[in-house]
Amino acid sequence: MSAPLEARTARPIEGGASFSMANRLERLAWGIVWTLGARWQPRPLFAGWRRFLLRAFGAQIADGCNVAPSVRVWLPRNLAMERASSMGPGVDCYNMAPIRIGAATIVSQRAFLCAGNHDPRDPDFQLITAPIVIGASAWIAAEAFIGPGVTIGRGAVVAARGCVSRDVAEWAIVAGNPAKQVGTREIAGAGSAVPLP
């Protein structure tokens, strides 16, 4: 993981860089490869090829994962996806710190996984990064926002356009801005929250 540069010396607030030259060149190369090699593809096709490209740049992508061509991954080596997980059209995976997506988890269209923030109390606006972990069998619905340092528990649901800045318990359903628990996920006929198959 590349740590952000010290804002006091790099001066990003005045147009300086937040990350090293090596990091920026790696992301430039990745952006060119993804744009030319994947972004133009029809969504249902070439999922294996997109997994290959992500792996070539250091991502840990299990077989059976599906990453839509319009997904934006900031730095592939900071991404891990377990089996049968997916990121839908327009997802922004802003993984300045590691992001891990559990097995059979769905990240729906235009969701924003944001692993970085600035310190508003710092006069130099220091960039701070923190990992995001999304448990297995979870669902991040359309246009939801997941902030840095957040863990989404196994089987949890973040409703469409929910804004999550704190951890979400296993099997919880959260909604709103800021997101609050509005229910518990249950399997039809089971009567209580139970692991999905």
N, C-alpha and C. Protein backbone atom coordinates (compact mmCIF):
# COMPACT_ATOMS: atom_id res chain seq x y z
N MET A 1 0.84 -1.18 0.00
CA MET A 1 0.00 0.00 0.00
C MET A 1 0.88 1.24 0.00
N SER A 2 0.57 2.20 -0.85
CA SER A 2 1.31 3.45 -0.90
C SER A 2 0.69 4.43 0.07
N ALA A 3 1.50 4.94 0.99
CA ALA A 3 1.00 5.93 1.94
C ALA A 3 0.98 7.30 1.27
N PRO A 4 0.02 8.14 1.64
CA PRO A 4 0.00 9.50 1.08
C PRO A 4 1.23 10.28 1.53
N LEU A 5 1.64 11.22 0.71
CA LEU A 5 2.75 12.09 1.06
C LEU A 5 2.32 13.05 2.16
N GLU A 6 3.29 13.58 2.89
CA GLU A 6 3.00 14.58 3.92
C GLU A 6 2.54 15.87 3.25
N ALA A 7 1.33 16.30 3.57
CA ALA A 7 0.76 17.49 2.94
C ALA A 7 1.57 18.74 3.26
N ARG A 8 2.20 18.76 4.42
CA ARG A 8 2.96 19.95 4.83
C ARG A 8 4.10 20.24 3.86
N THR A 9 4.71 19.17 3.32
CA THR A 9 5.82 19.37 2.39
C THR A 9 5.39 19.24 0.93
N ALA A 10 4.47 18.32 0.62
CA ALA A 10 4.04 18.11 -0.77
C ALA A 10 3.10 19.22 -1.25
N ARG A 11 2.39 19.84 -0.34
CA ARG A 11 1.48 20.96 -0.63
C ARG A 11 0.43 20.65 -1.70
N PRO A 12 -0.35 19.55 -1.55
CA PRO A 12 -1.40 19.26 -2.53
C PRO A 12 -2.46 20.36 -2.58
N ILE A 13 -2.64 21.10 -1.50
CA ILE A 13 -3.62 22.18 -1.49
C ILE A 13 -3.22 23.29 -2.47
N GLU A 14 -1.94 23.30 -2.84
CA GLU A 14 -1.45 24.28 -3.81
C GLU A 14 -1.16 23.63 -5.16
N GLY A 15 -1.64 22.41 -5.35
CA GLY A 15 -1.44 21.72 -6.63
C GLY A 15 -0.38 20.64 -6.60
N GLY A 16 0.25 20.43 -5.45
CA GLY A 16 1.24 19.36 -5.33
C GLY A 16 0.58 17.99 -5.31
N ALA A 17 1.40 16.95 -5.40
CA ALA A 17 0.90 15.58 -5.45
C ALA A 17 0.59 15.05 -4.07
N SER A 18 -0.41 14.16 -3.99
CA SER A 18 -0.72 13.48 -2.73
C SER A 18 -0.02 12.14 -2.61
N PHE A 19 0.47 11.60 -3.76
CA PHE A 19 1.14 10.30 -3.77
C PHE A 19 2.44 10.39 -4.55
N SER A 20 3.28 9.40 -4.37
CA SER A 20 4.60 9.38 -5.01
C SER A 20 4.48 9.30 -6.52
N MET A 21 5.57 9.64 -7.20
CA MET A 21 5.62 9.55 -8.66
C MET A 21 5.40 8.10 -9.11
N ALA A 22 5.99 7.13 -8.40
CA ALA A 22 5.81 5.72 -8.77
C ALA A 22 4.33 5.33 -8.71
N ASN A 23 3.64 5.77 -7.67
CA ASN A 23 2.22 5.48 -7.54
C ASN A 23 1.44 6.11 -8.70
N ARG A 24 1.76 7.34 -9.03
CA ARG A 24 1.03 8.03 -10.10
C ARG A 24 1.28 7.40 -11.46
N LEU A 25 2.52 6.96 -11.71
CA LEU A 25 2.82 6.29 -12.98
C LEU A 25 2.12 4.94 -13.07
N GLU A 26 2.07 4.21 -11.96
CA GLU A 26 1.36 2.92 -11.93
C GLU A 26 -0.12 3.13 -12.26
N ARG A 27 -0.73 4.15 -11.66
CA ARG A 27 -2.15 4.42 -11.92
C ARG A 27 -2.38 4.90 -13.34
N LEU A 28 -1.43 5.66 -13.90
CA LEU A 28 -1.54 6.10 -15.29
C LEU A 28 -1.52 4.90 -16.23
N ALA A 29 -0.56 3.99 -16.02
CA ALA A 29 -0.48 2.79 -16.85
C ALA A 29 -1.75 1.97 -16.73
N TRP A 30 -2.25 1.81 -15.49
CA TRP A 30 -3.48 1.06 -15.28
C TRP A 30 -4.65 1.70 -16.02
N GLY A 31 -4.79 3.01 -15.92
CA GLY A 31 -5.89 3.70 -16.59
C GLY A 31 -5.88 3.51 -18.09
N ILE A 32 -4.70 3.54 -18.68
CA ILE A 32 -4.58 3.33 -20.12
C ILE A 32 -4.97 1.90 -20.49
N VAL A 33 -4.45 0.93 -19.73
CA VAL A 33 -4.74 -0.49 -20.03
C VAL A 33 -6.23 -0.77 -19.89
N TRP A 34 -6.86 -0.28 -18.80
CA TRP A 34 -8.29 -0.56 -18.59
C TRP A 34 -9.15 0.12 -19.66
N THR A 35 -8.80 1.36 -20.01
CA THR A 35 -9.57 2.09 -21.02
C THR A 35 -9.49 1.39 -22.38
N LEU A 36 -8.30 1.00 -22.78
CA LEU A 36 -8.13 0.37 -24.09
C LEU A 36 -8.51 -1.11 -24.10
N GLY A 37 -8.31 -1.77 -22.95
CA GLY A 37 -8.49 -3.22 -22.93
C GLY A 37 -9.80 -3.72 -22.39
N ALA A 38 -10.60 -2.86 -21.72
CA ALA A 38 -11.81 -3.37 -21.07
C ALA A 38 -13.01 -2.44 -21.14
N ARG A 39 -12.80 -1.16 -21.04
CA ARG A 39 -13.91 -0.23 -20.86
C ARG A 39 -14.92 -0.25 -21.99
N TRP A 40 -14.51 -0.59 -23.17
CA TRP A 40 -15.37 -0.61 -24.34
C TRP A 40 -16.20 -1.89 -24.47
N GLN A 41 -15.95 -2.88 -23.64
CA GLN A 41 -16.55 -4.20 -23.82
C GLN A 41 -18.04 -4.22 -23.45
N PRO A 42 -18.83 -5.05 -24.14
CA PRO A 42 -20.20 -5.29 -23.68
C PRO A 42 -20.16 -5.95 -22.30
N ARG A 43 -21.05 -5.56 -21.42
CA ARG A 43 -20.97 -5.99 -20.03
C ARG A 43 -20.98 -7.51 -19.82
N PRO A 44 -21.89 -8.27 -20.45
CA PRO A 44 -21.93 -9.70 -20.10
C PRO A 44 -20.73 -10.49 -20.60
N LEU A 45 -19.99 -9.92 -21.55
CA LEU A 45 -18.90 -10.67 -22.16
C LEU A 45 -17.55 -10.31 -21.55
N PHE A 46 -16.58 -11.17 -21.72
CA PHE A 46 -15.18 -10.93 -21.39
C PHE A 46 -14.91 -10.73 -19.89
N ALA A 47 -15.75 -11.27 -19.02
CA ALA A 47 -15.51 -11.12 -17.58
C ALA A 47 -14.16 -11.72 -17.19
N GLY A 48 -13.79 -12.83 -17.79
CA GLY A 48 -12.51 -13.46 -17.51
C GLY A 48 -11.34 -12.58 -17.93
N TRP A 49 -11.48 -11.91 -19.05
CA TRP A 49 -10.44 -11.00 -19.52
C TRP A 49 -10.27 -9.82 -18.55
N ARG A 50 -11.37 -9.30 -18.04
CA ARG A 50 -11.28 -8.19 -17.08
C ARG A 50 -10.63 -8.65 -15.78
N ARG A 51 -10.94 -9.87 -15.34
CA ARG A 51 -10.26 -10.42 -14.16
C ARG A 51 -8.76 -10.53 -14.42
N PHE A 52 -8.40 -10.98 -15.62
CA PHE A 52 -6.99 -11.11 -15.99
C PHE A 52 -6.28 -9.75 -15.91
N LEU A 53 -6.87 -8.70 -16.45
CA LEU A 53 -6.25 -7.38 -16.43
C LEU A 53 -6.06 -6.89 -15.00
N LEU A 54 -7.08 -7.06 -14.16
CA LEU A 54 -6.97 -6.64 -12.77
C LEU A 54 -5.86 -7.42 -12.05
N ARG A 55 -5.81 -8.72 -12.28
CA ARG A 55 -4.77 -9.55 -11.66
C ARG A 55 -3.38 -9.13 -12.14
N ALA A 56 -3.26 -8.78 -13.42
CA ALA A 56 -1.96 -8.37 -13.97
C ALA A 56 -1.42 -7.14 -13.27
N PHE A 57 -2.30 -6.33 -12.70
CA PHE A 57 -1.88 -5.14 -11.98
C PHE A 57 -1.95 -5.34 -10.46
N GLY A 58 -2.01 -6.60 -10.02
CA GLY A 58 -1.85 -6.90 -8.60
C GLY A 58 -3.11 -7.16 -7.81
N ALA A 59 -4.30 -7.05 -8.42
CA ALA A 59 -5.53 -7.32 -7.68
C ALA A 59 -5.65 -8.80 -7.35
N GLN A 60 -6.28 -9.11 -6.23
CA GLN A 60 -6.57 -10.49 -5.85
C GLN A 60 -8.03 -10.75 -6.19
N ILE A 61 -8.26 -11.35 -7.35
CA ILE A 61 -9.61 -11.55 -7.87
C ILE A 61 -9.86 -13.04 -8.01
N ALA A 62 -10.83 -13.55 -7.26
CA ALA A 62 -11.15 -14.98 -7.32
C ALA A 62 -11.92 -15.28 -8.60
N ASP A 63 -11.88 -16.53 -8.99
CA ASP A 63 -12.68 -16.97 -10.14
C ASP A 63 -14.15 -16.73 -9.85
N GLY A 64 -14.89 -16.43 -10.90
CA GLY A 64 -16.33 -16.22 -10.76
C GLY A 64 -16.71 -14.81 -10.40
N CYS A 65 -15.73 -13.93 -10.16
CA CYS A 65 -16.05 -12.52 -9.88
C CYS A 65 -16.42 -11.82 -11.18
N ASN A 66 -17.25 -10.80 -11.06
CA ASN A 66 -17.67 -10.05 -12.24
C ASN A 66 -17.47 -8.56 -11.97
N VAL A 67 -16.64 -7.94 -12.78
CA VAL A 67 -16.39 -6.50 -12.67
C VAL A 67 -16.86 -5.88 -13.98
N ALA A 68 -17.85 -5.01 -13.91
CA ALA A 68 -18.40 -4.37 -15.11
C ALA A 68 -17.33 -3.52 -15.79
N PRO A 69 -17.38 -3.37 -17.11
CA PRO A 69 -16.37 -2.58 -17.82
C PRO A 69 -16.31 -1.12 -17.40
N SER A 70 -17.42 -0.57 -16.92
CA SER A 70 -17.45 0.85 -16.55
C SER A 70 -17.01 1.10 -15.11
N VAL A 71 -16.62 0.05 -14.37
CA VAL A 71 -16.11 0.23 -13.01
C VAL A 71 -14.79 1.00 -13.06
N ARG A 72 -14.59 1.87 -12.08
CA ARG A 72 -13.32 2.59 -11.95
C ARG A 72 -12.60 2.07 -10.71
N VAL A 73 -11.45 1.44 -10.93
CA VAL A 73 -10.61 0.96 -9.84
C VAL A 73 -9.38 1.86 -9.79
N TRP A 74 -9.18 2.53 -8.66
CA TRP A 74 -8.10 3.51 -8.53
C TRP A 74 -6.73 2.85 -8.58
N LEU A 75 -6.55 1.74 -7.83
CA LEU A 75 -5.27 1.04 -7.78
C LEU A 75 -5.54 -0.46 -7.60
N PRO A 76 -5.41 -1.25 -8.65
CA PRO A 76 -5.78 -2.67 -8.57
C PRO A 76 -5.13 -3.44 -7.44
N ARG A 77 -3.86 -3.16 -7.13
CA ARG A 77 -3.20 -3.96 -6.09
C ARG A 77 -3.78 -3.72 -4.71
N ASN A 78 -4.65 -2.75 -4.56
CA ASN A 78 -5.36 -2.53 -3.29
C ASN A 78 -6.76 -3.14 -3.30
N LEU A 79 -7.04 -4.01 -4.26
CA LEU A 79 -8.37 -4.62 -4.37
C LEU A 79 -8.29 -6.13 -4.20
N ALA A 80 -9.18 -6.67 -3.35
CA ALA A 80 -9.34 -8.12 -3.22
C ALA A 80 -10.83 -8.43 -3.31
N MET A 81 -11.19 -9.39 -4.18
CA MET A 81 -12.58 -9.82 -4.34
C MET A 81 -12.62 -11.34 -4.20
N GLU A 82 -13.45 -11.82 -3.29
CA GLU A 82 -13.59 -13.26 -3.11
C GLU A 82 -14.61 -13.82 -4.10
N ARG A 83 -14.71 -15.13 -4.17
CA ARG A 83 -15.47 -15.81 -5.22
C ARG A 83 -16.90 -15.29 -5.36
N ALA A 84 -17.33 -15.18 -6.63
CA ALA A 84 -18.70 -14.83 -6.99
C ALA A 84 -19.14 -13.45 -6.51
N SER A 85 -18.20 -12.58 -6.17
CA SER A 85 -18.58 -11.21 -5.84
C SER A 85 -18.62 -10.39 -7.12
N SER A 86 -19.28 -9.23 -7.06
CA SER A 86 -19.41 -8.43 -8.28
C SER A 86 -19.45 -6.94 -7.98
N MET A 87 -18.99 -6.17 -8.97
CA MET A 87 -19.13 -4.72 -8.96
C MET A 87 -19.86 -4.33 -10.24
N GLY A 88 -21.01 -3.67 -10.08
CA GLY A 88 -21.86 -3.33 -11.21
C GLY A 88 -21.43 -2.08 -11.95
N PRO A 89 -22.19 -1.71 -12.97
CA PRO A 89 -21.83 -0.57 -13.82
C PRO A 89 -21.64 0.72 -13.03
N GLY A 90 -20.56 1.42 -13.35
CA GLY A 90 -20.33 2.73 -12.77
C GLY A 90 -19.84 2.75 -11.34
N VAL A 91 -19.54 1.59 -10.75
CA VAL A 91 -19.01 1.58 -9.38
C VAL A 91 -17.67 2.31 -9.36
N ASP A 92 -17.46 3.15 -8.35
CA ASP A 92 -16.19 3.86 -8.17
C ASP A 92 -15.48 3.25 -6.97
N CYS A 93 -14.45 2.46 -7.25
CA CYS A 93 -13.66 1.79 -6.22
C CYS A 93 -12.42 2.64 -5.98
N TYR A 94 -12.56 3.62 -5.10
CA TYR A 94 -11.51 4.62 -4.85
C TYR A 94 -10.62 4.08 -3.74
N ASN A 95 -9.82 3.06 -4.10
CA ASN A 95 -9.10 2.28 -3.11
C ASN A 95 -7.68 2.80 -2.89
N MET A 96 -7.59 3.98 -2.29
CA MET A 96 -6.29 4.51 -1.88
C MET A 96 -5.72 3.68 -0.73
N ALA A 97 -6.57 2.95 -0.04
CA ALA A 97 -6.19 1.94 0.94
C ALA A 97 -6.89 0.64 0.49
N PRO A 98 -6.48 -0.51 1.03
CA PRO A 98 -7.08 -1.76 0.57
C PRO A 98 -8.59 -1.82 0.76
N ILE A 99 -9.25 -2.40 -0.24
CA ILE A 99 -10.68 -2.70 -0.18
C ILE A 99 -10.84 -4.18 -0.43
N ARG A 100 -11.53 -4.87 0.49
CA ARG A 100 -11.78 -6.31 0.37
C ARG A 100 -13.29 -6.53 0.28
N ILE A 101 -13.70 -7.28 -0.74
CA ILE A 101 -15.11 -7.59 -0.97
C ILE A 101 -15.29 -9.09 -0.80
N GLY A 102 -16.17 -9.48 0.13
CA GLY A 102 -16.35 -10.89 0.46
C GLY A 102 -17.09 -11.68 -0.61
N ALA A 103 -17.09 -12.99 -0.43
CA ALA A 103 -17.71 -13.90 -1.39
C ALA A 103 -19.20 -13.64 -1.53
N ALA A 104 -19.68 -13.75 -2.77
CA ALA A 104 -21.10 -13.62 -3.09
C ALA A 104 -21.68 -12.26 -2.68
N THR A 105 -20.85 -11.25 -2.65
CA THR A 105 -21.30 -9.90 -2.31
C THR A 105 -21.53 -9.10 -3.59
N ILE A 106 -22.57 -8.29 -3.57
CA ILE A 106 -22.93 -7.46 -4.73
C ILE A 106 -22.71 -6.00 -4.38
N VAL A 107 -21.94 -5.32 -5.20
CA VAL A 107 -21.81 -3.87 -5.12
C VAL A 107 -22.52 -3.33 -6.36
N SER A 108 -23.67 -2.70 -6.16
CA SER A 108 -24.54 -2.31 -7.28
C SER A 108 -24.08 -1.03 -7.96
N GLN A 109 -24.77 -0.70 -9.05
CA GLN A 109 -24.38 0.38 -9.93
C GLN A 109 -24.18 1.72 -9.22
N ARG A 110 -23.08 2.35 -9.61
CA ARG A 110 -22.70 3.70 -9.17
C ARG A 110 -22.47 3.83 -7.66
N ALA A 111 -22.29 2.72 -6.97
CA ALA A 111 -21.87 2.80 -5.56
C ALA A 111 -20.47 3.39 -5.50
N PHE A 112 -20.15 4.04 -4.39
CA PHE A 112 -18.84 4.69 -4.23
C PHE A 112 -18.18 4.12 -2.98
N LEU A 113 -17.10 3.37 -3.19
CA LEU A 113 -16.30 2.82 -2.10
C LEU A 113 -15.09 3.74 -1.94
N CYS A 114 -15.08 4.55 -0.89
CA CYS A 114 -14.10 5.62 -0.75
C CYS A 114 -13.18 5.37 0.44
N ALA A 115 -11.93 4.97 0.16
CA ALA A 115 -10.99 4.61 1.22
C ALA A 115 -10.07 5.77 1.61
N GLY A 116 -10.46 7.00 1.31
CA GLY A 116 -9.64 8.14 1.67
C GLY A 116 -10.47 9.35 2.03
N ASN A 117 -9.87 10.23 2.81
CA ASN A 117 -10.53 11.47 3.24
C ASN A 117 -9.44 12.47 3.60
N HIS A 118 -9.80 13.71 3.78
CA HIS A 118 -8.84 14.73 4.22
C HIS A 118 -9.18 15.13 5.64
N ASP A 119 -8.15 15.47 6.39
CA ASP A 119 -8.34 15.93 7.76
C ASP A 119 -8.77 17.39 7.74
N PRO A 120 -10.04 17.68 8.06
CA PRO A 120 -10.52 19.06 7.98
C PRO A 120 -9.92 19.98 9.03
N ARG A 121 -9.29 19.40 10.08
CA ARG A 121 -8.67 20.20 11.13
C ARG A 121 -7.22 20.54 10.82
N ASP A 122 -6.68 19.93 9.77
CA ASP A 122 -5.30 20.17 9.38
C ASP A 122 -5.26 21.32 8.38
N PRO A 123 -4.49 22.39 8.64
CA PRO A 123 -4.45 23.51 7.70
C PRO A 123 -3.91 23.12 6.33
N ASP A 124 -3.15 22.01 6.28
CA ASP A 124 -2.62 21.53 5.00
C ASP A 124 -3.52 20.49 4.34
N PHE A 125 -4.66 20.18 5.02
CA PHE A 125 -5.67 19.27 4.45
C PHE A 125 -5.08 17.89 4.17
N GLN A 126 -4.38 17.34 5.16
CA GLN A 126 -3.69 16.05 5.01
C GLN A 126 -4.65 14.95 4.57
N LEU A 127 -4.23 14.18 3.56
CA LEU A 127 -4.99 13.03 3.10
C LEU A 127 -4.80 11.88 4.09
N ILE A 128 -5.90 11.24 4.46
CA ILE A 128 -5.89 10.10 5.38
C ILE A 128 -6.55 8.93 4.66
N THR A 129 -5.94 7.77 4.72
CA THR A 129 -6.53 6.60 4.08
C THR A 129 -6.80 5.51 5.12
N ALA A 130 -7.82 4.70 4.88
CA ALA A 130 -8.16 3.60 5.78
C ALA A 130 -8.89 2.53 4.99
N PRO A 131 -8.63 1.25 5.25
CA PRO A 131 -9.22 0.17 4.47
C PRO A 131 -10.73 0.02 4.68
N ILE A 132 -11.35 -0.57 3.68
CA ILE A 132 -12.78 -0.92 3.73
C ILE A 132 -12.87 -2.44 3.60
N VAL A 133 -13.69 -3.05 4.46
CA VAL A 133 -13.93 -4.49 4.39
C VAL A 133 -15.43 -4.71 4.27
N ILE A 134 -15.84 -5.44 3.24
CA ILE A 134 -17.25 -5.77 3.03
C ILE A 134 -17.36 -7.29 3.14
N GLY A 135 -18.15 -7.75 4.10
CA GLY A 135 -18.26 -9.18 4.37
C GLY A 135 -18.97 -9.95 3.27
N ALA A 136 -18.95 -11.26 3.40
CA ALA A 136 -19.59 -12.15 2.43
C ALA A 136 -21.10 -11.97 2.42
N SER A 137 -21.70 -12.20 1.28
CA SER A 137 -23.16 -12.21 1.10
C SER A 137 -23.82 -10.88 1.44
N ALA A 138 -23.05 -9.79 1.37
CA ALA A 138 -23.61 -8.46 1.61
C ALA A 138 -24.12 -7.87 0.30
N TRP A 139 -24.88 -6.79 0.42
CA TRP A 139 -25.37 -6.07 -0.76
C TRP A 139 -25.22 -4.58 -0.51
N ILE A 140 -24.42 -3.95 -1.35
CA ILE A 140 -24.27 -2.51 -1.35
C ILE A 140 -25.12 -2.02 -2.52
N ALA A 141 -26.26 -1.40 -2.24
CA ALA A 141 -27.23 -1.06 -3.28
C ALA A 141 -26.79 0.18 -4.06
N ALA A 142 -27.58 0.51 -5.08
CA ALA A 142 -27.22 1.55 -6.04
C ALA A 142 -26.90 2.88 -5.37
N GLU A 143 -25.79 3.47 -5.79
CA GLU A 143 -25.36 4.81 -5.39
C GLU A 143 -25.11 4.98 -3.90
N ALA A 144 -24.89 3.88 -3.20
CA ALA A 144 -24.52 3.97 -1.78
C ALA A 144 -23.08 4.45 -1.66
N PHE A 145 -22.78 5.08 -0.52
CA PHE A 145 -21.43 5.56 -0.23
C PHE A 145 -20.90 4.83 0.99
N ILE A 146 -19.70 4.24 0.87
CA ILE A 146 -19.04 3.57 1.98
C ILE A 146 -17.74 4.32 2.25
N GLY A 147 -17.59 4.86 3.45
CA GLY A 147 -16.45 5.70 3.77
C GLY A 147 -15.24 4.92 4.24
N PRO A 148 -14.11 5.62 4.40
CA PRO A 148 -12.86 4.98 4.81
C PRO A 148 -12.95 4.38 6.20
N GLY A 149 -12.31 3.22 6.36
CA GLY A 149 -12.24 2.56 7.66
C GLY A 149 -13.48 1.78 8.05
N VAL A 150 -14.45 1.68 7.16
CA VAL A 150 -15.73 1.02 7.48
C VAL A 150 -15.64 -0.48 7.21
N THR A 151 -16.26 -1.25 8.11
CA THR A 151 -16.46 -2.68 7.90
C THR A 151 -17.96 -2.94 7.78
N ILE A 152 -18.35 -3.57 6.70
CA ILE A 152 -19.74 -3.98 6.48
C ILE A 152 -19.81 -5.46 6.82
N GLY A 153 -20.64 -5.81 7.80
CA GLY A 153 -20.71 -7.19 8.26
C GLY A 153 -21.30 -8.15 7.24
N ARG A 154 -21.04 -9.40 7.46
CA ARG A 154 -21.57 -10.46 6.60
C ARG A 154 -23.09 -10.36 6.48
N GLY A 155 -23.58 -10.48 5.25
CA GLY A 155 -25.01 -10.50 5.00
C GLY A 155 -25.72 -9.17 5.15
N ALA A 156 -25.00 -8.10 5.45
CA ALA A 156 -25.64 -6.79 5.65
C ALA A 156 -26.09 -6.19 4.32
N VAL A 157 -27.02 -5.25 4.41
CA VAL A 157 -27.52 -4.53 3.24
C VAL A 157 -27.40 -3.03 3.51
N VAL A 158 -26.80 -2.32 2.56
CA VAL A 158 -26.80 -0.86 2.59
C VAL A 158 -27.76 -0.42 1.50
N ALA A 159 -28.85 0.23 1.88
CA ALA A 159 -29.89 0.60 0.92
C ALA A 159 -29.38 1.63 -0.08
N ALA A 160 -30.10 1.76 -1.19
CA ALA A 160 -29.73 2.71 -2.24
C ALA A 160 -29.52 4.11 -1.67
N ARG A 161 -28.42 4.71 -2.07
CA ARG A 161 -28.02 6.06 -1.66
C ARG A 161 -27.76 6.20 -0.17
N GLY A 162 -27.60 5.10 0.53
CA GLY A 162 -27.21 5.16 1.93
C GLY A 162 -25.78 5.68 2.04
N CYS A 163 -25.50 6.37 3.13
CA CYS A 163 -24.18 6.96 3.36
C CYS A 163 -23.62 6.38 4.66
N VAL A 164 -22.62 5.51 4.54
CA VAL A 164 -22.12 4.77 5.69
C VAL A 164 -20.74 5.28 6.10
N SER A 165 -20.63 5.76 7.33
CA SER A 165 -19.34 6.22 7.84
C SER A 165 -18.92 5.44 9.09
N ARG A 166 -19.76 4.49 9.53
CA ARG A 166 -19.45 3.64 10.69
C ARG A 166 -19.73 2.19 10.33
N ASP A 167 -19.14 1.29 11.09
CA ASP A 167 -19.31 -0.14 10.83
C ASP A 167 -20.79 -0.54 10.85
N VAL A 168 -21.11 -1.54 10.04
CA VAL A 168 -22.47 -2.07 9.95
C VAL A 168 -22.43 -3.52 10.44
N ALA A 169 -23.33 -3.86 11.35
CA ALA A 169 -23.37 -5.20 11.94
C ALA A 169 -23.77 -6.25 10.91
N GLU A 170 -23.39 -7.49 11.18
CA GLU A 170 -23.81 -8.60 10.33
C GLU A 170 -25.33 -8.66 10.24
N TRP A 171 -25.83 -8.91 9.04
CA TRP A 171 -27.25 -9.12 8.75
C TRP A 171 -28.13 -7.88 8.99
N ALA A 172 -27.51 -6.73 9.26
CA ALA A 172 -28.29 -5.50 9.44
C ALA A 172 -28.66 -4.91 8.09
N ILE A 173 -29.77 -4.20 8.05
CA ILE A 173 -30.17 -3.39 6.89
C ILE A 173 -30.08 -1.94 7.33
N VAL A 174 -29.28 -1.15 6.61
CA VAL A 174 -29.13 0.26 6.95
C VAL A 174 -29.55 1.12 5.78
N ALA A 175 -30.02 2.33 6.08
CA ALA A 175 -30.48 3.25 5.04
C ALA A 175 -30.32 4.68 5.53
N GLY A 176 -30.29 5.61 4.59
CA GLY A 176 -30.29 7.03 4.92
C GLY A 176 -28.92 7.66 4.95
N ASN A 177 -28.91 8.95 5.27
CA ASN A 177 -27.68 9.74 5.36
C ASN A 177 -27.75 10.63 6.59
N PRO A 178 -27.02 10.27 7.66
CA PRO A 178 -26.14 9.10 7.78
C PRO A 178 -26.95 7.82 7.91
N ALA A 179 -26.37 6.73 7.46
CA ALA A 179 -27.08 5.45 7.47
C ALA A 179 -27.35 4.99 8.90
N LYS A 180 -28.59 4.53 9.11
CA LYS A 180 -29.00 3.96 10.40
C LYS A 180 -29.67 2.63 10.15
N GLN A 181 -29.62 1.76 11.14
CA GLN A 181 -30.24 0.45 10.98
C GLN A 181 -31.75 0.59 10.94
N VAL A 182 -32.35 0.00 9.90
CA VAL A 182 -33.81 0.05 9.73
C VAL A 182 -34.43 -1.34 9.78
N GLY A 183 -33.60 -2.36 9.90
CA GLY A 183 -34.14 -3.71 9.96
C GLY A 183 -33.03 -4.73 10.02
N THR A 184 -33.45 -6.00 9.98
CA THR A 184 -32.52 -7.12 9.99
C THR A 184 -32.86 -8.00 8.79
N ARG A 185 -31.86 -8.46 8.13
CA ARG A 185 -32.08 -9.30 6.96
C ARG A 185 -32.50 -10.69 7.39
N GLU A 186 -33.55 -11.19 6.80
CA GLU A 186 -34.05 -12.53 7.12
C GLU A 186 -34.27 -13.32 5.85
N ILE A 187 -34.14 -14.59 5.96
CA ILE A 187 -34.42 -15.48 4.84
C ILE A 187 -35.90 -15.83 4.89
N ALA A 188 -36.56 -15.76 3.75
CA ALA A 188 -38.00 -16.03 3.69
C ALA A 188 -38.32 -17.37 4.36
N GLY A 189 -39.25 -17.32 5.32
CA GLY A 189 -39.71 -18.52 6.00
C GLY A 189 -38.84 -18.95 7.16
N ALA A 190 -37.65 -18.32 7.33
CA ALA A 190 -36.77 -18.74 8.40
C ALA A 190 -37.11 -18.03 9.72
N GLY A 191 -37.63 -16.79 9.62
CA GLY A 191 -38.05 -16.07 10.82
C GLY A 191 -36.94 -15.38 11.57
N SER A 192 -35.70 -15.56 11.15
CA SER A 192 -34.60 -14.84 11.81
C SER A 192 -33.44 -14.74 10.84
N ALA A 193 -32.51 -13.86 11.20
CA ALA A 193 -31.34 -13.70 10.33
C ALA A 193 -30.50 -14.96 10.37
N VAL A 194 -30.31 -15.55 9.21
CA VAL A 194 -29.51 -16.77 9.11
C VAL A 194 -28.57 -16.62 7.93
N PRO A 195 -27.44 -17.35 7.95
CA PRO A 195 -26.52 -17.25 6.83
C PRO A 195 -27.17 -17.65 5.51
N LEU A 196 -26.83 -16.93 4.47
CA LEU A 196 -27.31 -17.28 3.14
C LEU A 196 -26.59 -18.52 2.66
N PRO A 197 -27.20 -19.24 1.75
CA PRO A 197 -26.53 -20.43 1.22
C PRO A 197 -25.27 -20.05 0.46
